[in-house]
């Protein structure tokens, strides 16, 4: 995988994602967007150079990650695009809604940076080695890792 779109409204999470992926996958080129409404025109413009994967925050102002998943899955020419929701939400109903809309994966954002980095690395390894096609991978933190740690 050489291209990754990251859709994240939190500057802190954006920086953490860039740092984590930069350490584990320095050859991955990342393009960052602050909202769903920012990334959608980029994905749907004619002749757009599409990424291998889109990493989406779920809860963003305006168009949410779920809205992006729905919109992308409604576009036949984007059917092969891997969509990974990377969120702090542990709500099963939100995960179910994302999968029902066509997300390939729903991953909880660990607060511990080492685990955060490991989860992102494994996610890129997993989806980078598989053909596209809506095969779910759910990564949840071990018990106790959802609280703030240094």
N, C-alpha and C. Protein backbone atom coordinates (compact mmCIF):
# COMPACT_ATOMS: atom_id res chain seq x y z
N UNK A 1 0.85 -1.17 0.00
CA UNK A 1 0.00 0.00 0.00
C UNK A 1 0.89 1.23 0.00
N UNK A 2 0.63 2.14 -0.90
CA UNK A 2 1.46 3.34 -0.96
C UNK A 2 0.68 4.61 -0.69
N UNK A 3 -0.62 4.56 -0.68
CA UNK A 3 -1.40 5.77 -0.45
C UNK A 3 -2.47 5.53 0.59
N UNK A 4 -2.62 6.51 1.46
CA UNK A 4 -3.59 6.43 2.53
C UNK A 4 -4.22 7.81 2.72
N UNK A 5 -5.54 7.87 2.68
CA UNK A 5 -6.24 9.09 3.05
C UNK A 5 -6.65 8.92 4.51
N UNK A 6 -6.36 9.94 5.31
CA UNK A 6 -6.74 9.95 6.72
C UNK A 6 -7.74 11.08 6.91
N UNK A 7 -8.92 10.73 7.41
CA UNK A 7 -9.96 11.73 7.64
C UNK A 7 -10.16 11.82 9.15
N UNK A 8 -9.67 12.91 9.73
CA UNK A 8 -9.63 13.06 11.19
C UNK A 8 -9.73 14.54 11.53
N UNK A 9 -10.67 14.90 12.40
CA UNK A 9 -10.85 16.30 12.76
C UNK A 9 -10.00 16.74 13.95
N UNK A 10 -9.46 15.82 14.71
CA UNK A 10 -8.66 16.17 15.89
C UNK A 10 -7.19 16.36 15.48
N UNK A 11 -6.64 17.56 15.71
CA UNK A 11 -5.23 17.78 15.39
C UNK A 11 -4.29 16.84 16.16
N UNK A 12 -4.66 16.52 17.41
CA UNK A 12 -3.83 15.62 18.22
C UNK A 12 -3.82 14.21 17.63
N UNK A 13 -5.00 13.73 17.23
CA UNK A 13 -5.07 12.39 16.63
C UNK A 13 -4.40 12.36 15.27
N UNK A 14 -4.53 13.44 14.51
CA UNK A 14 -3.87 13.52 13.21
C UNK A 14 -2.36 13.40 13.39
N UNK A 15 -1.82 14.13 14.34
CA UNK A 15 -0.38 14.08 14.60
C UNK A 15 0.04 12.69 15.07
N UNK A 16 -0.75 12.07 15.93
CA UNK A 16 -0.43 10.73 16.44
C UNK A 16 -0.47 9.70 15.31
N UNK A 17 -1.46 9.79 14.43
CA UNK A 17 -1.55 8.87 13.29
C UNK A 17 -0.35 9.05 12.37
N UNK A 18 -0.01 10.29 12.06
CA UNK A 18 1.14 10.55 11.18
C UNK A 18 2.42 10.00 11.79
N UNK A 19 2.60 10.21 13.08
CA UNK A 19 3.81 9.73 13.76
C UNK A 19 3.84 8.21 13.81
N UNK A 20 2.71 7.59 14.17
CA UNK A 20 2.66 6.13 14.29
C UNK A 20 2.92 5.45 12.95
N UNK A 21 2.24 5.90 11.91
CA UNK A 21 2.41 5.28 10.60
C UNK A 21 3.79 5.61 10.03
N UNK A 22 4.26 6.81 10.28
CA UNK A 22 5.60 7.19 9.82
C UNK A 22 6.69 6.31 10.41
N UNK A 23 6.49 5.86 11.63
CA UNK A 23 7.46 4.98 12.27
C UNK A 23 7.38 3.55 11.76
N UNK A 24 6.18 3.04 11.59
CA UNK A 24 6.03 1.63 11.20
C UNK A 24 6.04 1.42 9.69
N UNK A 25 5.58 2.41 8.94
CA UNK A 25 5.46 2.30 7.48
C UNK A 25 5.93 3.61 6.83
N UNK A 26 7.23 3.89 6.89
CA UNK A 26 7.72 5.18 6.41
C UNK A 26 7.50 5.41 4.91
N UNK A 27 7.25 4.36 4.15
CA UNK A 27 7.04 4.52 2.71
C UNK A 27 5.59 4.82 2.34
N UNK A 28 4.67 4.79 3.30
CA UNK A 28 3.27 5.08 3.02
C UNK A 28 3.08 6.59 2.90
N UNK A 29 2.52 6.99 1.78
CA UNK A 29 2.21 8.41 1.57
C UNK A 29 0.82 8.67 2.10
N UNK A 30 0.72 9.66 2.99
CA UNK A 30 -0.56 9.98 3.62
C UNK A 30 -1.04 11.35 3.18
N UNK A 31 -2.34 11.45 2.97
CA UNK A 31 -2.97 12.73 2.70
C UNK A 31 -4.05 12.90 3.76
N UNK A 32 -4.06 14.05 4.42
CA UNK A 32 -4.96 14.27 5.56
C UNK A 32 -6.11 15.20 5.19
N UNK A 33 -7.29 14.87 5.72
CA UNK A 33 -8.50 15.67 5.53
C UNK A 33 -9.13 15.86 6.90
N UNK A 34 -9.72 17.03 7.13
CA UNK A 34 -10.28 17.34 8.44
C UNK A 34 -11.76 17.03 8.58
N UNK A 35 -12.39 16.58 7.48
CA UNK A 35 -13.82 16.27 7.55
C UNK A 35 -14.23 15.38 6.40
N UNK A 36 -15.42 14.80 6.56
CA UNK A 36 -15.98 14.01 5.48
C UNK A 36 -16.27 14.87 4.26
N UNK A 37 -16.74 16.09 4.48
CA UNK A 37 -17.05 16.96 3.35
C UNK A 37 -15.79 17.41 2.61
N UNK A 38 -14.63 17.32 3.26
CA UNK A 38 -13.37 17.65 2.60
C UNK A 38 -12.87 16.50 1.73
N UNK A 39 -13.05 15.26 2.19
CA UNK A 39 -12.50 14.12 1.46
C UNK A 39 -13.40 13.66 0.31
N UNK A 40 -14.71 13.80 0.45
CA UNK A 40 -15.61 13.28 -0.57
C UNK A 40 -15.36 13.86 -1.97
N UNK A 41 -15.18 15.17 -2.12
CA UNK A 41 -14.90 15.68 -3.46
C UNK A 41 -13.59 15.11 -4.04
N UNK A 42 -12.63 14.89 -3.18
CA UNK A 42 -11.32 14.34 -3.62
C UNK A 42 -11.48 12.91 -4.11
N UNK A 43 -12.35 12.13 -3.45
CA UNK A 43 -12.57 10.74 -3.84
C UNK A 43 -13.41 10.61 -5.10
N UNK A 44 -14.29 11.57 -5.33
CA UNK A 44 -15.25 11.44 -6.43
C UNK A 44 -14.91 12.28 -7.66
N UNK A 45 -13.83 13.05 -7.61
CA UNK A 45 -13.49 13.85 -8.79
C UNK A 45 -13.07 12.93 -9.94
N UNK A 46 -13.50 13.25 -11.14
CA UNK A 46 -13.16 12.40 -12.29
C UNK A 46 -11.65 12.28 -12.46
N UNK A 47 -11.21 11.06 -12.66
CA UNK A 47 -9.79 10.80 -12.87
C UNK A 47 -8.94 10.92 -11.62
N UNK A 48 -9.57 10.96 -10.45
CA UNK A 48 -8.83 11.11 -9.19
C UNK A 48 -7.88 9.93 -8.99
N UNK A 49 -6.70 10.23 -8.45
CA UNK A 49 -5.76 9.20 -8.05
C UNK A 49 -6.21 8.73 -6.66
N UNK A 50 -6.80 7.54 -6.61
CA UNK A 50 -7.40 7.05 -5.37
C UNK A 50 -6.37 6.36 -4.49
N UNK A 51 -6.58 6.44 -3.18
CA UNK A 51 -5.69 5.76 -2.25
C UNK A 51 -5.98 4.27 -2.20
N UNK A 52 -5.11 3.53 -1.55
CA UNK A 52 -5.38 2.11 -1.31
C UNK A 52 -6.37 1.93 -0.17
N UNK A 53 -6.38 2.90 0.75
CA UNK A 53 -7.22 2.79 1.93
C UNK A 53 -7.59 4.18 2.44
N UNK A 54 -8.78 4.27 3.05
CA UNK A 54 -9.21 5.49 3.73
C UNK A 54 -9.40 5.13 5.20
N UNK A 55 -8.70 5.86 6.07
CA UNK A 55 -8.81 5.70 7.51
C UNK A 55 -9.70 6.84 7.99
N UNK A 56 -10.86 6.49 8.55
CA UNK A 56 -11.88 7.48 8.88
C UNK A 56 -12.16 7.57 10.37
N UNK A 57 -12.16 8.78 10.88
CA UNK A 57 -12.72 9.00 12.21
C UNK A 57 -14.23 8.86 12.07
N UNK A 58 -14.90 8.43 13.09
CA UNK A 58 -16.35 8.25 13.00
C UNK A 58 -17.10 9.54 13.30
N UNK A 59 -16.78 10.15 14.42
CA UNK A 59 -17.53 11.32 14.88
C UNK A 59 -16.80 12.60 14.54
N UNK A 60 -17.27 13.23 13.47
CA UNK A 60 -16.71 14.50 13.01
C UNK A 60 -17.87 15.46 12.77
N UNK A 61 -17.62 16.76 12.88
CA UNK A 61 -18.68 17.72 12.56
C UNK A 61 -19.05 17.61 11.08
N UNK A 62 -20.31 17.89 10.78
CA UNK A 62 -20.75 17.79 9.38
C UNK A 62 -20.90 16.33 8.98
N UNK A 63 -20.29 15.95 7.89
CA UNK A 63 -20.39 14.57 7.41
C UNK A 63 -19.49 13.68 8.26
N UNK A 64 -20.10 12.69 8.89
CA UNK A 64 -19.38 11.77 9.77
C UNK A 64 -18.66 10.70 8.95
N UNK A 65 -17.88 9.90 9.63
CA UNK A 65 -17.24 8.76 8.97
C UNK A 65 -18.28 7.82 8.39
N UNK A 66 -19.38 7.62 9.11
CA UNK A 66 -20.46 6.77 8.60
C UNK A 66 -21.06 7.36 7.33
N UNK A 67 -21.23 8.67 7.29
CA UNK A 67 -21.73 9.32 6.07
C UNK A 67 -20.79 9.08 4.89
N UNK A 68 -19.48 9.16 5.16
CA UNK A 68 -18.49 8.93 4.10
C UNK A 68 -18.58 7.50 3.60
N UNK A 69 -18.69 6.54 4.53
CA UNK A 69 -18.81 5.13 4.13
C UNK A 69 -20.03 4.95 3.23
N UNK A 70 -21.15 5.50 3.64
CA UNK A 70 -22.38 5.36 2.84
C UNK A 70 -22.22 5.97 1.45
N UNK A 71 -21.64 7.16 1.41
CA UNK A 71 -21.48 7.85 0.13
C UNK A 71 -20.52 7.08 -0.79
N UNK A 72 -19.40 6.63 -0.25
CA UNK A 72 -18.42 5.90 -1.05
C UNK A 72 -19.02 4.60 -1.57
N UNK A 73 -19.72 3.87 -0.72
CA UNK A 73 -20.29 2.58 -1.14
C UNK A 73 -21.42 2.75 -2.15
N UNK A 74 -21.97 3.95 -2.26
CA UNK A 74 -23.00 4.22 -3.28
C UNK A 74 -22.39 4.51 -4.65
N UNK A 75 -21.07 4.64 -4.71
CA UNK A 75 -20.37 4.94 -5.96
C UNK A 75 -19.76 3.66 -6.51
N UNK A 76 -20.28 3.10 -7.59
CA UNK A 76 -19.76 1.83 -8.12
C UNK A 76 -18.26 1.86 -8.43
N UNK A 77 -17.75 3.00 -8.89
CA UNK A 77 -16.32 3.06 -9.24
C UNK A 77 -15.41 3.07 -8.01
N UNK A 78 -15.99 3.20 -6.81
CA UNK A 78 -15.21 3.18 -5.57
C UNK A 78 -15.39 1.88 -4.79
N UNK A 79 -16.01 0.90 -5.40
CA UNK A 79 -16.35 -0.35 -4.71
C UNK A 79 -15.12 -1.05 -4.12
N UNK A 80 -13.98 -0.95 -4.75
CA UNK A 80 -12.79 -1.64 -4.26
C UNK A 80 -11.99 -0.88 -3.23
N UNK A 81 -12.42 0.31 -2.87
CA UNK A 81 -11.69 1.14 -1.91
C UNK A 81 -11.87 0.59 -0.50
N UNK A 82 -10.78 0.36 0.21
CA UNK A 82 -10.84 -0.14 1.59
C UNK A 82 -11.15 1.02 2.53
N UNK A 83 -12.19 0.85 3.33
CA UNK A 83 -12.63 1.87 4.29
C UNK A 83 -12.50 1.32 5.70
N UNK A 84 -11.64 1.96 6.49
CA UNK A 84 -11.40 1.55 7.87
C UNK A 84 -11.83 2.68 8.79
N UNK A 85 -12.80 2.41 9.64
CA UNK A 85 -13.24 3.39 10.64
C UNK A 85 -12.34 3.21 11.85
N UNK A 86 -11.66 4.30 12.25
CA UNK A 86 -10.71 4.30 13.36
C UNK A 86 -11.22 5.32 14.36
N UNK A 87 -11.81 4.85 15.44
CA UNK A 87 -12.61 5.72 16.29
C UNK A 87 -12.41 5.46 17.78
N UNK A 88 -12.78 6.43 18.57
CA UNK A 88 -12.76 6.27 20.03
C UNK A 88 -14.09 5.72 20.54
N UNK A 89 -15.06 5.55 19.67
CA UNK A 89 -16.37 5.04 20.07
C UNK A 89 -16.33 3.52 20.26
N UNK A 90 -16.80 3.09 21.42
CA UNK A 90 -16.89 1.66 21.72
C UNK A 90 -18.32 1.17 21.62
N UNK A 91 -19.20 1.96 21.02
CA UNK A 91 -20.62 1.61 20.92
C UNK A 91 -20.82 0.54 19.86
N UNK A 92 -21.35 -0.61 20.26
CA UNK A 92 -21.59 -1.70 19.31
C UNK A 92 -22.55 -1.29 18.20
N UNK A 93 -23.54 -0.46 18.53
CA UNK A 93 -24.51 -0.02 17.52
C UNK A 93 -23.83 0.78 16.43
N UNK A 94 -22.83 1.59 16.79
CA UNK A 94 -22.10 2.36 15.78
C UNK A 94 -21.25 1.45 14.92
N UNK A 95 -20.61 0.47 15.51
CA UNK A 95 -19.83 -0.51 14.74
C UNK A 95 -20.75 -1.25 13.78
N UNK A 96 -21.90 -1.70 14.27
CA UNK A 96 -22.85 -2.42 13.42
C UNK A 96 -23.31 -1.55 12.25
N UNK A 97 -23.59 -0.27 12.52
CA UNK A 97 -24.03 0.65 11.46
C UNK A 97 -22.94 0.83 10.41
N UNK A 98 -21.69 0.92 10.85
CA UNK A 98 -20.59 1.08 9.90
C UNK A 98 -20.43 -0.15 9.02
N UNK A 99 -20.51 -1.33 9.62
CA UNK A 99 -20.42 -2.56 8.83
C UNK A 99 -21.61 -2.68 7.87
N UNK A 100 -22.81 -2.35 8.35
CA UNK A 100 -23.99 -2.42 7.49
C UNK A 100 -23.88 -1.47 6.30
N UNK A 101 -23.21 -0.34 6.50
CA UNK A 101 -23.04 0.64 5.42
C UNK A 101 -21.93 0.25 4.45
N UNK A 102 -21.08 -0.72 4.85
CA UNK A 102 -20.04 -1.18 3.94
C UNK A 102 -18.62 -0.93 4.38
N UNK A 103 -18.41 -0.54 5.64
CA UNK A 103 -17.04 -0.37 6.13
C UNK A 103 -16.34 -1.73 6.11
N UNK A 104 -15.07 -1.72 5.80
CA UNK A 104 -14.29 -2.96 5.81
C UNK A 104 -13.84 -3.33 7.20
N UNK A 105 -13.66 -2.33 8.06
CA UNK A 105 -13.16 -2.59 9.40
C UNK A 105 -13.58 -1.45 10.33
N UNK A 106 -13.74 -1.78 11.60
CA UNK A 106 -14.07 -0.82 12.64
C UNK A 106 -13.07 -1.06 13.76
N UNK A 107 -12.23 -0.07 14.01
CA UNK A 107 -11.13 -0.25 14.96
C UNK A 107 -11.19 0.83 16.03
N UNK A 108 -11.09 0.39 17.27
CA UNK A 108 -11.08 1.31 18.40
C UNK A 108 -9.69 1.94 18.54
N UNK A 109 -9.65 3.26 18.75
CA UNK A 109 -8.39 3.99 18.94
C UNK A 109 -7.92 3.81 20.38
N UNK A 110 -6.86 3.08 20.60
CA UNK A 110 -6.32 2.97 21.97
C UNK A 110 -5.72 4.31 22.39
N UNK A 111 -5.78 4.61 23.68
CA UNK A 111 -5.18 5.84 24.20
C UNK A 111 -3.69 5.69 24.45
N UNK A 112 -3.25 4.49 24.73
CA UNK A 112 -1.84 4.21 24.93
C UNK A 112 -1.14 4.28 23.57
N UNK A 113 -0.10 5.15 23.42
CA UNK A 113 0.50 5.36 22.11
C UNK A 113 1.15 4.11 21.55
N UNK A 114 1.80 3.31 22.37
CA UNK A 114 2.44 2.09 21.86
C UNK A 114 1.39 1.15 21.26
N UNK A 115 0.26 1.01 21.93
CA UNK A 115 -0.81 0.16 21.40
C UNK A 115 -1.45 0.81 20.18
N UNK A 116 -1.62 2.11 20.20
CA UNK A 116 -2.14 2.89 19.07
C UNK A 116 -1.29 2.62 17.83
N UNK A 117 0.03 2.71 18.00
CA UNK A 117 0.97 2.48 16.90
C UNK A 117 0.89 1.04 16.42
N UNK A 118 0.83 0.11 17.33
CA UNK A 118 0.76 -1.31 16.98
C UNK A 118 -0.52 -1.63 16.20
N UNK A 119 -1.65 -1.09 16.65
CA UNK A 119 -2.93 -1.33 15.98
C UNK A 119 -2.89 -0.77 14.56
N UNK A 120 -2.37 0.44 14.40
CA UNK A 120 -2.28 1.02 13.06
C UNK A 120 -1.34 0.22 12.17
N UNK A 121 -0.22 -0.20 12.71
CA UNK A 121 0.73 -0.99 11.93
C UNK A 121 0.11 -2.29 11.45
N UNK A 122 -0.55 -2.99 12.36
CA UNK A 122 -1.20 -4.26 12.00
C UNK A 122 -2.33 -4.04 11.00
N UNK A 123 -3.04 -2.92 11.13
CA UNK A 123 -4.12 -2.61 10.20
C UNK A 123 -3.57 -2.40 8.79
N UNK A 124 -2.50 -1.62 8.67
CA UNK A 124 -1.89 -1.39 7.36
C UNK A 124 -1.32 -2.68 6.79
N UNK A 125 -0.70 -3.50 7.63
CA UNK A 125 -0.16 -4.78 7.16
C UNK A 125 -1.29 -5.68 6.67
N UNK A 126 -2.37 -5.76 7.42
CA UNK A 126 -3.48 -6.62 7.07
C UNK A 126 -4.13 -6.19 5.75
N UNK A 127 -4.53 -4.93 5.67
CA UNK A 127 -5.23 -4.47 4.48
C UNK A 127 -4.30 -4.28 3.29
N UNK A 128 -3.03 -4.04 3.55
CA UNK A 128 -2.08 -3.90 2.45
C UNK A 128 -1.75 -5.23 1.79
N UNK A 129 -1.97 -6.34 2.49
CA UNK A 129 -1.63 -7.65 1.95
C UNK A 129 -2.85 -8.39 1.42
N UNK A 130 -4.03 -7.79 1.53
CA UNK A 130 -5.26 -8.46 1.10
C UNK A 130 -5.86 -7.75 -0.09
N UNK A 131 -6.53 -8.49 -0.93
CA UNK A 131 -7.28 -7.82 -1.99
C UNK A 131 -8.43 -7.04 -1.37
N UNK A 132 -8.86 -5.99 -2.03
CA UNK A 132 -10.00 -5.21 -1.55
C UNK A 132 -11.24 -6.08 -1.56
N UNK A 133 -12.19 -5.72 -0.72
CA UNK A 133 -13.43 -6.45 -0.83
C UNK A 133 -14.18 -6.71 0.45
N UNK A 134 -14.37 -5.75 1.29
CA UNK A 134 -15.32 -5.83 2.39
C UNK A 134 -15.19 -7.09 3.24
N UNK A 135 -14.01 -7.36 3.74
CA UNK A 135 -13.78 -8.45 4.68
C UNK A 135 -13.46 -7.79 6.01
N UNK A 136 -14.28 -8.02 7.01
CA UNK A 136 -14.18 -7.28 8.26
C UNK A 136 -13.03 -7.73 9.15
N UNK A 137 -12.39 -6.77 9.77
CA UNK A 137 -11.39 -7.00 10.80
C UNK A 137 -11.73 -6.03 11.91
N UNK A 138 -12.02 -6.52 13.08
CA UNK A 138 -12.31 -5.67 14.23
C UNK A 138 -11.19 -5.83 15.23
N UNK A 139 -10.59 -4.72 15.62
CA UNK A 139 -9.53 -4.75 16.61
C UNK A 139 -10.03 -3.97 17.81
N UNK A 140 -10.09 -4.61 18.95
CA UNK A 140 -10.51 -3.94 20.17
C UNK A 140 -9.37 -4.05 21.19
N UNK A 141 -9.26 -3.08 22.08
CA UNK A 141 -8.18 -3.12 23.05
C UNK A 141 -8.41 -4.21 24.09
N UNK A 142 -7.33 -4.73 24.65
CA UNK A 142 -7.49 -5.66 25.77
C UNK A 142 -8.13 -4.93 26.95
N UNK A 143 -8.75 -5.65 27.87
CA UNK A 143 -9.36 -4.99 29.02
C UNK A 143 -8.36 -4.08 29.73
N UNK A 144 -8.84 -2.90 30.07
CA UNK A 144 -7.99 -1.96 30.81
C UNK A 144 -7.23 -0.99 29.93
N UNK A 145 -7.19 -1.22 28.62
CA UNK A 145 -6.43 -0.32 27.75
C UNK A 145 -7.25 0.83 27.22
N UNK A 146 -8.50 0.96 27.62
CA UNK A 146 -9.29 2.07 27.12
C UNK A 146 -9.19 3.29 28.03
N UNK A 147 -8.45 3.18 29.12
CA UNK A 147 -8.25 4.35 29.97
C UNK A 147 -6.92 5.02 29.61
N UNK A 148 -6.80 6.27 29.94
CA UNK A 148 -5.59 7.04 29.59
C UNK A 148 -4.36 6.44 30.27
N UNK A 149 -3.33 6.24 29.48
CA UNK A 149 -2.06 5.73 29.99
C UNK A 149 -0.94 6.51 29.34
N UNK A 150 0.20 6.55 29.97
CA UNK A 150 1.33 7.27 29.36
C UNK A 150 2.26 6.31 28.68
